[in-house]
Amino acid sequence: MSDMVQVKLVGGPMDGGTLPVDREAVEDPEPGFDFVPEDGSGAPDDCSRVLYTAEPGGDPAVWHWRSWVP
């Protein structure tokens, strides 16, 4: 079994994309994390990272856009 899984990204600057993440990130009770996107265009000057998380009770491999973060 692979230690990496693909999550689907919904909304925000990476809408429709996928991201390979460690299996532990999907199995966490609150799946998701912040990261630097491939294309940071549109990012506010003081924020370079994006936050994507799974919906509570939803599919842990589908992460939704939350916000830009510093």
N, C-alpha and C. Protein backbone atom coordinates (compact mmCIF):
# COMPACT_ATOMS: atom_id res chain seq x y z
N MET A 1 0.85 -1.18 0.00
CA MET A 1 0.00 0.00 0.00
C MET A 1 0.90 1.24 0.00
N SER A 2 0.55 2.21 -0.83
CA SER A 2 1.34 3.43 -0.94
C SER A 2 1.14 4.33 0.27
N ASP A 3 2.19 5.04 0.65
CA ASP A 3 2.09 6.00 1.74
C ASP A 3 1.53 7.33 1.27
N MET A 4 1.35 7.49 -0.05
CA MET A 4 0.83 8.73 -0.62
C MET A 4 -0.52 8.45 -1.26
N VAL A 5 -1.45 9.41 -1.13
CA VAL A 5 -2.75 9.34 -1.78
C VAL A 5 -3.01 10.68 -2.46
N GLN A 6 -3.88 10.68 -3.45
CA GLN A 6 -4.25 11.90 -4.15
C GLN A 6 -5.52 12.46 -3.53
N VAL A 7 -5.51 13.75 -3.20
CA VAL A 7 -6.75 14.39 -2.75
C VAL A 7 -7.20 15.34 -3.85
N LYS A 8 -8.50 15.50 -3.98
CA LYS A 8 -9.09 16.42 -4.95
C LYS A 8 -9.28 17.76 -4.26
N LEU A 9 -8.92 18.84 -4.95
CA LEU A 9 -9.04 20.19 -4.40
C LEU A 9 -10.24 20.88 -5.04
N VAL A 10 -11.08 21.49 -4.20
CA VAL A 10 -12.32 22.12 -4.66
C VAL A 10 -12.31 23.58 -4.25
N GLY A 11 -12.50 24.47 -5.23
CA GLY A 11 -12.55 25.91 -4.96
C GLY A 11 -11.17 26.53 -4.87
N GLY A 12 -11.15 27.84 -4.73
CA GLY A 12 -9.89 28.56 -4.57
C GLY A 12 -8.97 28.48 -5.78
N PRO A 13 -7.71 28.83 -5.57
CA PRO A 13 -6.77 28.92 -6.68
C PRO A 13 -6.38 27.57 -7.30
N MET A 14 -6.64 26.47 -6.63
CA MET A 14 -6.27 25.16 -7.17
C MET A 14 -7.49 24.30 -7.47
N ASP A 15 -8.63 24.96 -7.71
CA ASP A 15 -9.89 24.26 -7.98
C ASP A 15 -9.73 23.24 -9.10
N GLY A 16 -10.19 22.02 -8.84
CA GLY A 16 -10.14 20.97 -9.85
C GLY A 16 -8.83 20.22 -9.89
N GLY A 17 -7.84 20.68 -9.14
CA GLY A 17 -6.56 20.01 -9.12
C GLY A 17 -6.52 18.87 -8.13
N THR A 18 -5.41 18.18 -8.14
CA THR A 18 -5.18 17.12 -7.16
C THR A 18 -3.84 17.39 -6.49
N LEU A 19 -3.67 16.80 -5.32
CA LEU A 19 -2.45 16.99 -4.56
C LEU A 19 -2.06 15.66 -3.93
N PRO A 20 -0.81 15.21 -4.16
CA PRO A 20 -0.38 14.00 -3.47
C PRO A 20 -0.03 14.34 -2.02
N VAL A 21 -0.63 13.62 -1.09
CA VAL A 21 -0.36 13.87 0.33
C VAL A 21 -0.09 12.55 1.03
N ASP A 22 0.58 12.63 2.14
CA ASP A 22 0.84 11.46 2.96
C ASP A 22 -0.50 10.90 3.44
N ARG A 23 -0.63 9.60 3.44
CA ARG A 23 -1.87 8.94 3.85
C ARG A 23 -2.34 9.44 5.22
N GLU A 24 -1.42 9.75 6.11
CA GLU A 24 -1.79 10.23 7.45
C GLU A 24 -2.60 11.52 7.39
N ALA A 25 -2.35 12.37 6.38
CA ALA A 25 -3.10 13.62 6.25
C ALA A 25 -4.58 13.36 5.96
N VAL A 26 -4.88 12.25 5.28
CA VAL A 26 -6.26 11.90 4.96
C VAL A 26 -6.91 11.16 6.12
N GLU A 27 -6.12 10.39 6.84
CA GLU A 27 -6.66 9.61 7.96
C GLU A 27 -6.77 10.41 9.25
N ASP A 28 -6.25 11.62 9.27
CA ASP A 28 -6.33 12.50 10.44
C ASP A 28 -7.81 12.78 10.74
N PRO A 29 -8.18 12.97 12.02
CA PRO A 29 -9.58 13.29 12.34
C PRO A 29 -10.08 14.57 11.66
N GLU A 30 -9.18 15.50 11.35
CA GLU A 30 -9.54 16.72 10.64
C GLU A 30 -8.61 16.85 9.43
N PRO A 31 -8.92 16.13 8.32
CA PRO A 31 -8.03 16.12 7.17
C PRO A 31 -7.84 17.48 6.54
N GLY A 32 -6.60 17.75 6.12
CA GLY A 32 -6.29 18.99 5.42
C GLY A 32 -5.05 19.64 6.00
N PHE A 33 -4.55 20.63 5.29
CA PHE A 33 -3.43 21.43 5.77
C PHE A 33 -3.21 22.62 4.85
N ASP A 34 -2.29 23.49 5.24
CA ASP A 34 -1.95 24.62 4.38
C ASP A 34 -0.65 24.29 3.66
N PHE A 35 -0.50 24.87 2.46
CA PHE A 35 0.68 24.63 1.65
C PHE A 35 0.85 25.77 0.65
N VAL A 36 2.03 25.86 0.06
CA VAL A 36 2.30 26.86 -0.97
C VAL A 36 1.81 26.28 -2.30
N PRO A 37 0.89 26.96 -2.97
CA PRO A 37 0.37 26.43 -4.24
C PRO A 37 1.40 26.57 -5.36
N GLU A 38 1.22 25.76 -6.39
CA GLU A 38 2.12 25.82 -7.55
C GLU A 38 2.15 27.21 -8.15
N ASP A 39 0.98 27.80 -8.29
CA ASP A 39 0.86 29.13 -8.89
C ASP A 39 0.28 30.06 -7.83
N GLY A 40 1.12 30.90 -7.27
CA GLY A 40 0.68 31.79 -6.21
C GLY A 40 0.01 33.06 -6.70
N SER A 41 -0.30 33.13 -8.01
CA SER A 41 -0.92 34.33 -8.54
C SER A 41 -2.26 34.57 -7.85
N GLY A 42 -2.54 35.79 -7.57
CA GLY A 42 -3.78 36.14 -6.89
C GLY A 42 -3.65 36.15 -5.38
N ALA A 43 -2.49 35.76 -4.88
CA ALA A 43 -2.28 35.74 -3.43
C ALA A 43 -2.13 37.16 -2.90
N PRO A 44 -2.72 37.45 -1.75
CA PRO A 44 -2.50 38.75 -1.12
C PRO A 44 -1.01 38.90 -0.78
N ASP A 45 -0.54 40.13 -0.67
CA ASP A 45 0.88 40.38 -0.38
C ASP A 45 1.36 39.72 0.89
N ASP A 46 0.51 39.63 1.90
CA ASP A 46 0.94 39.10 3.20
C ASP A 46 0.63 37.62 3.39
N CYS A 47 0.14 36.95 2.35
CA CYS A 47 -0.21 35.53 2.47
C CYS A 47 0.30 34.77 1.24
N SER A 48 1.04 33.71 1.47
CA SER A 48 1.57 32.95 0.35
C SER A 48 1.09 31.50 0.34
N ARG A 49 0.37 31.10 1.37
CA ARG A 49 -0.07 29.71 1.48
C ARG A 49 -1.59 29.64 1.37
N VAL A 50 -2.09 28.46 0.98
CA VAL A 50 -3.52 28.21 0.90
C VAL A 50 -3.90 27.16 1.94
N LEU A 51 -5.13 27.25 2.42
CA LEU A 51 -5.63 26.27 3.37
C LEU A 51 -6.78 25.51 2.72
N TYR A 52 -6.64 24.20 2.65
CA TYR A 52 -7.69 23.31 2.16
C TYR A 52 -7.94 22.26 3.24
N THR A 53 -9.21 21.99 3.52
CA THR A 53 -9.57 20.95 4.49
C THR A 53 -10.79 20.19 3.98
N ALA A 54 -10.97 18.99 4.50
CA ALA A 54 -12.15 18.20 4.17
C ALA A 54 -13.35 18.77 4.93
N GLU A 55 -14.53 18.56 4.37
CA GLU A 55 -15.76 18.95 5.05
C GLU A 55 -15.96 18.02 6.24
N PRO A 56 -16.39 18.53 7.39
CA PRO A 56 -16.67 17.65 8.53
C PRO A 56 -17.68 16.57 8.13
N GLY A 57 -17.33 15.32 8.34
CA GLY A 57 -18.21 14.21 7.98
C GLY A 57 -18.21 13.87 6.50
N GLY A 58 -17.44 14.63 5.70
CA GLY A 58 -17.39 14.39 4.26
C GLY A 58 -16.26 13.46 3.87
N ASP A 59 -16.04 13.37 2.58
CA ASP A 59 -14.98 12.53 2.03
C ASP A 59 -13.63 13.11 2.45
N PRO A 60 -12.80 12.35 3.16
CA PRO A 60 -11.51 12.88 3.62
C PRO A 60 -10.51 13.09 2.49
N ALA A 61 -10.83 12.61 1.28
CA ALA A 61 -9.92 12.80 0.15
C ALA A 61 -10.40 13.92 -0.78
N VAL A 62 -11.39 14.70 -0.35
CA VAL A 62 -11.85 15.87 -1.09
C VAL A 62 -11.70 17.06 -0.15
N TRP A 63 -10.76 17.95 -0.50
CA TRP A 63 -10.46 19.09 0.36
C TRP A 63 -10.99 20.37 -0.28
N HIS A 64 -11.61 21.21 0.53
CA HIS A 64 -12.24 22.44 0.07
C HIS A 64 -11.41 23.65 0.48
N TRP A 65 -11.38 24.63 -0.40
CA TRP A 65 -10.67 25.90 -0.18
C TRP A 65 -11.23 26.59 1.05
N ARG A 66 -10.37 27.09 1.90
CA ARG A 66 -10.79 27.85 3.09
C ARG A 66 -10.31 29.29 3.02
N SER A 67 -9.00 29.49 2.75
CA SER A 67 -8.47 30.85 2.74
C SER A 67 -7.00 30.87 2.37
N TRP A 68 -6.51 32.08 2.13
CA TRP A 68 -5.07 32.31 2.07
C TRP A 68 -4.58 32.45 3.49
N VAL A 69 -3.38 31.98 3.78
CA VAL A 69 -2.81 32.11 5.12
C VAL A 69 -1.35 32.56 5.02
N PRO A 70 -0.87 33.28 6.06
CA PRO A 70 0.54 33.74 6.02
C PRO A 70 1.53 32.58 6.08
